[in-house]
């Protein structure tokens, strides 16, 4: 069951990355929407990872 869930997450990530590339090349509207969602999710995860429990003594790298 865990392998199935991880495979689905991996597939969604790959499809999102493909849509980002396709949208950059002028793809259809739905690809641009998926690309925006993918980039937004990546930024949220990046911010969550930076502030996720580690203290950096005020330096913002």
PDB file of N, CA and C in Angstrom:
ATOM      1  N   UNK A   1       0.827  -1.195   0.000  1.00  0.00           N
ATOM      2  CA  UNK A   1       0.000   0.000   0.000  1.00  0.00           C
ATOM      3  C   UNK A   1       0.869   1.255   0.000  1.00  0.00           C
ATOM      4  N   UNK A   2       1.927   1.244   0.794  1.00  0.00           N
ATOM      5  CA  UNK A   2       2.825   2.397   0.866  1.00  0.00           C
ATOM      6  C   UNK A   2       3.511   2.637  -0.479  1.00  0.00           C
ATOM      7  N   UNK A   3       3.880   1.553  -1.136  1.00  0.00           N
ATOM      8  CA  UNK A   3       4.532   1.685  -2.446  1.00  0.00           C
ATOM      9  C   UNK A   3       3.565   2.311  -3.450  1.00  0.00           C
ATOM     10  N   UNK A   4       2.310   1.954  -3.374  1.00  0.00           N
ATOM     11  CA  UNK A   4       1.310   2.522  -4.269  1.00  0.00           C
ATOM     12  C   UNK A   4       1.149   4.026  -4.048  1.00  0.00           C
ATOM     13  N   UNK A   5       1.103   4.437  -2.798  1.00  0.00           N
ATOM     14  CA  UNK A   5       0.963   5.866  -2.471  1.00  0.00           C
ATOM     15  C   UNK A   5       2.197   6.641  -2.918  1.00  0.00           C
ATOM     16  N   UNK A   6       3.374   6.107  -2.637  1.00  0.00           N
ATOM     17  CA  UNK A   6       4.605   6.791  -3.051  1.00  0.00           C
ATOM     18  C   UNK A   6       4.724   6.853  -4.574  1.00  0.00           C
ATOM     19  N   UNK A   7       4.274   5.810  -5.253  1.00  0.00           N
ATOM     20  CA  UNK A   7       4.291   5.817  -6.715  1.00  0.00           C
ATOM     21  C   UNK A   7       3.355   6.888  -7.264  1.00  0.00           C
ATOM     22  N   UNK A   8       2.192   7.044  -6.642  1.00  0.00           N
ATOM     23  CA  UNK A   8       1.247   8.072  -7.075  1.00  0.00           C
ATOM     24  C   UNK A   8       1.819   9.471  -6.865  1.00  0.00           C
ATOM     25  N   UNK A   9       2.474   9.687  -5.730  1.00  0.00           N
ATOM     26  CA  UNK A   9       3.092  10.991  -5.454  1.00  0.00           C
ATOM     27  C   UNK A   9       4.201  11.269  -6.459  1.00  0.00           C
ATOM     28  N   UNK A  10       4.999  10.272  -6.759  1.00  0.00           N
ATOM     29  CA  UNK A  10       6.068  10.427  -7.743  1.00  0.00           C
ATOM     30  C   UNK A  10       5.498  10.737  -9.123  1.00  0.00           C
ATOM     31  N   UNK A  11       4.441  10.054  -9.499  1.00  0.00           N
ATOM     32  CA  UNK A  11       3.809  10.302 -10.789  1.00  0.00           C
ATOM     33  C   UNK A  11       3.256  11.729 -10.867  1.00  0.00           C
ATOM     34  N   UNK A  12       2.626  12.193  -9.797  1.00  0.00           N
ATOM     35  CA  UNK A  12       2.118  13.576  -9.779  1.00  0.00           C
ATOM     36  C   UNK A  12       3.250  14.584  -9.907  1.00  0.00           C
ATOM     37  N   UNK A  13       4.368  14.324  -9.240  1.00  0.00           N
ATOM     38  CA  UNK A  13       5.510  15.236  -9.332  1.00  0.00           C
ATOM     39  C   UNK A  13       6.067  15.272 -10.752  1.00  0.00           C
ATOM     40  N   UNK A  14       6.155  14.124 -11.384  1.00  0.00           N
ATOM     41  CA  UNK A  14       6.676  14.074 -12.757  1.00  0.00           C
ATOM     42  C   UNK A  14       5.735  14.795 -13.712  1.00  0.00           C
ATOM     43  N   UNK A  15       4.437  14.547 -13.578  1.00  0.00           N
ATOM     44  CA  UNK A  15       3.463  15.219 -14.438  1.00  0.00           C
ATOM     45  C   UNK A  15       3.518  16.736 -14.217  1.00  0.00           C
ATOM     46  N   UNK A  16       3.677  17.156 -12.968  1.00  0.00           N
ATOM     47  CA  UNK A  16       3.784  18.583 -12.680  1.00  0.00           C
ATOM     48  C   UNK A  16       4.999  19.204 -13.338  1.00  0.00           C
ATOM     49  N   UNK A  17       6.122  18.514 -13.273  1.00  0.00           N
ATOM     50  CA  UNK A  17       7.341  19.035 -13.908  1.00  0.00           C
ATOM     51  C   UNK A  17       7.193  19.109 -15.423  1.00  0.00           C
ATOM     52  N   UNK A  18       6.559  18.109 -16.013  1.00  0.00           N
ATOM     53  CA  UNK A  18       6.325  18.130 -17.458  1.00  0.00           C
ATOM     54  C   UNK A  18       5.437  19.315 -17.825  1.00  0.00           C
ATOM     55  N   UNK A  19       4.426  19.580 -17.013  1.00  0.00           N
ATOM     56  CA  UNK A  19       3.538  20.718 -17.295  1.00  0.00           C
ATOM     57  C   UNK A  19       4.267  22.049 -17.155  1.00  0.00           C
ATOM     58  N   UNK A  20       5.203  22.144 -16.227  1.00  0.00           N
ATOM     59  CA  UNK A  20       5.979  23.382 -16.087  1.00  0.00           C
ATOM     60  C   UNK A  20       6.787  23.637 -17.358  1.00  0.00           C
ATOM     61  N   UNK A  21       7.440  22.609 -17.862  1.00  0.00           N
ATOM     62  CA  UNK A  21       8.235  22.761 -19.086  1.00  0.00           C
ATOM     63  C   UNK A  21       7.325  23.079 -20.267  1.00  0.00           C
ATOM     64  N   UNK A  22       6.213  22.381 -20.363  1.00  0.00           N
ATOM     65  CA  UNK A  22       5.284  22.589 -21.476  1.00  0.00           C
ATOM     66  C   UNK A  22       4.688  23.993 -21.431  1.00  0.00           C
ATOM     67  N   UNK A  23       4.347  24.469 -20.239  1.00  0.00           N
ATOM     68  CA  UNK A  23       3.779  25.812 -20.107  1.00  0.00           C
ATOM     69  C   UNK A  23       4.802  26.877 -20.499  1.00  0.00           C
ATOM     70  N   UNK A  24       6.066  26.660 -20.191  1.00  0.00           N
ATOM     71  CA  UNK A  24       7.115  27.599 -20.597  1.00  0.00           C
ATOM     72  C   UNK A  24       7.219  27.699 -22.106  1.00  0.00           C
ATOM     73  N   UNK A  25       6.864  26.633 -22.793  1.00  0.00           N
ATOM     74  CA  UNK A  25       6.939  26.623 -24.263  1.00  0.00           C
ATOM     75  C   UNK A  25       5.623  27.006 -24.904  1.00  0.00           C
ATOM     76  N   UNK A  26       4.667  27.504 -24.088  1.00  0.00           N
ATOM     77  CA  UNK A  26       3.410  27.981 -24.641  1.00  0.00           C
ATOM     78  C   UNK A  26       2.341  26.921 -24.758  1.00  0.00           C
ATOM     79  N   UNK A  27       2.272  26.037 -23.813  1.00  0.00           N
ATOM     80  CA  UNK A  27       1.279  24.969 -23.838  1.00  0.00           C
ATOM     81  C   UNK A  27      -0.132  25.478 -23.613  1.00  0.00           C
ATOM     82  N   UNK A  28      -1.088  24.562 -23.546  1.00  0.00           N
ATOM     83  CA  UNK A  28      -2.485  24.953 -23.345  1.00  0.00           C
ATOM     84  C   UNK A  28      -2.722  25.538 -21.952  1.00  0.00           C
ATOM     85  N   UNK A  29      -3.876  26.143 -21.787  1.00  0.00           N
ATOM     86  CA  UNK A  29      -4.201  26.826 -20.531  1.00  0.00           C
ATOM     87  C   UNK A  29      -4.152  25.880 -19.339  1.00  0.00           C
ATOM     88  N   UNK A  30      -4.669  24.654 -19.502  1.00  0.00           N
ATOM     89  CA  UNK A  30      -4.690  23.731 -18.366  1.00  0.00           C
ATOM     90  C   UNK A  30      -3.271  23.367 -17.933  1.00  0.00           C
ATOM     91  N   UNK A  31      -2.339  23.306 -18.871  1.00  0.00           N
ATOM     92  CA  UNK A  31      -0.949  23.010 -18.516  1.00  0.00           C
ATOM     93  C   UNK A  31      -0.344  24.175 -17.732  1.00  0.00           C
ATOM     94  N   UNK A  32      -0.722  25.402 -18.085  1.00  0.00           N
ATOM     95  CA  UNK A  32      -0.222  26.567 -17.343  1.00  0.00           C
ATOM     96  C   UNK A  32      -0.785  26.589 -15.927  1.00  0.00           C
ATOM     97  N   UNK A  33      -2.044  26.169 -15.777  1.00  0.00           N
ATOM     98  CA  UNK A  33      -2.645  26.110 -14.437  1.00  0.00           C
ATOM     99  C   UNK A  33      -1.942  25.054 -13.590  1.00  0.00           C
ATOM    100  N   UNK A  34      -1.719  23.887 -14.162  1.00  0.00           N
ATOM    101  CA  UNK A  34      -1.023  22.825 -13.427  1.00  0.00           C
ATOM    102  C   UNK A  34       0.397  23.263 -13.090  1.00  0.00           C
ATOM    103  N   UNK A  35       1.038  23.972 -13.999  1.00  0.00           N
ATOM    104  CA  UNK A  35       2.399  24.459 -13.749  1.00  0.00           C
ATOM    105  C   UNK A  35       2.415  25.443 -12.584  1.00  0.00           C
ATOM    106  N   UNK A  36       1.440  26.362 -12.554  1.00  0.00           N
ATOM    107  CA  UNK A  36       1.375  27.314 -11.429  1.00  0.00           C
ATOM    108  C   UNK A  36       1.158  26.587 -10.105  1.00  0.00           C
ATOM    109  N   UNK A  37       0.280  25.595 -10.117  1.00  0.00           N
ATOM    110  CA  UNK A  37       0.032  24.823  -8.896  1.00  0.00           C
ATOM    111  C   UNK A  37       1.289  24.064  -8.454  1.00  0.00           C
ATOM    112  N   UNK A  38       2.003  23.515  -9.418  1.00  0.00           N
ATOM    113  CA  UNK A  38       3.226  22.769  -9.100  1.00  0.00           C
ATOM    114  C   UNK A  38       4.297  23.688  -8.511  1.00  0.00           C
ATOM    115  N   UNK A  39       4.490  24.834  -9.131  1.00  0.00           N
ATOM    116  CA  UNK A  39       5.494  25.785  -8.632  1.00  0.00           C
ATOM    117  C   UNK A  39       5.090  26.309  -7.253  1.00  0.00           C
ATOM    118  N   UNK A  40       3.807  26.606  -7.077  1.00  0.00           N
ATOM    119  CA  UNK A  40       3.325  27.073  -5.776  1.00  0.00           C
ATOM    120  C   UNK A  40       3.508  26.029  -4.686  1.00  0.00           C
ATOM    121  N   UNK A  41       3.221  24.775  -5.004  1.00  0.00           N
ATOM    122  CA  UNK A  41       3.406  23.701  -4.024  1.00  0.00           C
ATOM    123  C   UNK A  41       4.890  23.539  -3.677  1.00  0.00           C
ATOM    124  N   UNK A  42       5.734  23.676  -4.678  1.00  0.00           N
ATOM    125  CA  UNK A  42       7.176  23.586  -4.424  1.00  0.00           C
ATOM    126  C   UNK A  42       7.675  24.702  -3.525  1.00  0.00           C
ATOM    127  N   UNK A  43       7.158  25.909  -3.739  1.00  0.00           N
ATOM    128  CA  UNK A  43       7.557  27.029  -2.889  1.00  0.00           C
ATOM    129  C   UNK A  43       7.067  26.837  -1.458  1.00  0.00           C
ATOM    130  N   UNK A  44       5.840  26.337  -1.304  1.00  0.00           N
ATOM    131  CA  UNK A  44       5.323  26.080   0.048  1.00  0.00           C
ATOM    132  C   UNK A  44       6.152  25.021   0.760  1.00  0.00           C
ATOM    133  N   UNK A  45       6.499  23.960   0.058  1.00  0.00           N
ATOM    134  CA  UNK A  45       7.317  22.911   0.670  1.00  0.00           C
ATOM    135  C   UNK A  45       8.713  23.423   1.002  1.00  0.00           C
ATOM    136  N   UNK A  46       9.237  24.294   0.159  1.00  0.00           N
ATOM    137  CA  UNK A  46      10.552  24.866   0.429  1.00  0.00           C
ATOM    138  C   UNK A  46      10.534  25.731   1.683  1.00  0.00           C
ATOM    139  N   UNK A  47       9.495  26.557   1.801  1.00  0.00           N
ATOM    140  CA  UNK A  47       9.378  27.398   2.991  1.00  0.00           C
ATOM    141  C   UNK A  47       9.158  26.561   4.235  1.00  0.00           C
ATOM    142  N   UNK A  48       8.370  25.517   4.131  1.00  0.00           N
ATOM    143  CA  UNK A  48       8.111  24.646   5.279  1.00  0.00           C
ATOM    144  C   UNK A  48       9.383  23.910   5.686  1.00  0.00           C
ATOM    145  N   UNK A  49      10.191  23.535   4.708  1.00  0.00           N
ATOM    146  CA  UNK A  49      11.442  22.840   5.004  1.00  0.00           C
ATOM    147  C   UNK A  49      12.457  23.740   5.680  1.00  0.00           C
ATOM    148  N   UNK A  50      12.465  25.014   5.319  1.00  0.00           N
ATOM    149  CA  UNK A  50      13.416  25.951   5.915  1.00  0.00           C
ATOM    150  C   UNK A  50      13.083  26.243   7.366  1.00  0.00           C
ATOM    151  N   UNK A  51      11.790  26.351   7.676  1.00  0.00           N
ATOM    152  CA  UNK A  51      11.402  26.715   9.035  1.00  0.00           C
ATOM    153  C   UNK A  51      10.996  25.488   9.846  1.00  0.00           C
ATOM    154  N   UNK A  52      11.299  24.319   9.375  1.00  0.00           N
ATOM    155  CA  UNK A  52      10.832  23.090  10.009  1.00  0.00           C
ATOM    156  C   UNK A  52      11.682  22.604  11.162  1.00  0.00           C
ATOM    157  N   UNK A  53      11.814  23.393  12.199  1.00  0.00           N
ATOM    158  CA  UNK A  53      12.423  22.901  13.428  1.00  0.00           C
ATOM    159  C   UNK A  53      13.885  23.221  13.623  1.00  0.00           C
ATOM    160  N   UNK A  54      14.589  23.658  12.629  1.00  0.00           N
ATOM    161  CA  UNK A  54      16.001  23.963  12.826  1.00  0.00           C
ATOM    162  C   UNK A  54      16.174  25.458  13.037  1.00  0.00           C
ATOM    163  N   UNK A  55      16.987  25.813  13.974  1.00  0.00           N
ATOM    164  CA  UNK A  55      17.262  27.215  14.229  1.00  0.00           C
ATOM    165  C   UNK A  55      18.514  27.613  13.479  1.00  0.00           C
ATOM    166  N   UNK A  56      18.451  28.789  12.860  1.00  0.00           N
ATOM    167  CA  UNK A  56      19.594  29.230  12.069  1.00  0.00           C
ATOM    168  C   UNK A  56      20.233  30.497  12.620  1.00  0.00           C
ATOM    169  N   UNK A  57      19.958  30.832  13.862  1.00  0.00           N
ATOM    170  CA  UNK A  57      20.561  31.974  14.541  1.00  0.00           C
ATOM    171  C   UNK A  57      20.369  33.285  13.791  1.00  0.00           C
ATOM    172  N   UNK A  58      19.219  33.439  13.150  1.00  0.00           N
ATOM    173  CA  UNK A  58      18.891  34.697  12.510  1.00  0.00           C
ATOM    174  C   UNK A  58      19.444  34.864  11.116  1.00  0.00           C
ATOM    175  N   UNK A  59      20.269  33.956  10.631  1.00  0.00           N
ATOM    176  CA  UNK A  59      20.778  34.106   9.283  1.00  0.00           C
ATOM    177  C   UNK A  59      19.795  33.477   8.316  1.00  0.00           C
ATOM    178  N   UNK A  60      19.536  34.184   7.228  1.00  0.00           N
ATOM    179  CA  UNK A  60      18.584  33.715   6.243  1.00  0.00           C
ATOM    180  C   UNK A  60      19.323  33.386   4.971  1.00  0.00           C
ATOM    181  N   UNK A  61      19.697  32.144   4.777  1.00  0.00           N
ATOM    182  CA  UNK A  61      20.479  31.731   3.609  1.00  0.00           C
ATOM    183  C   UNK A  61      19.593  31.476   2.442  1.00  0.00           C
TER     184      UNK A  61
END
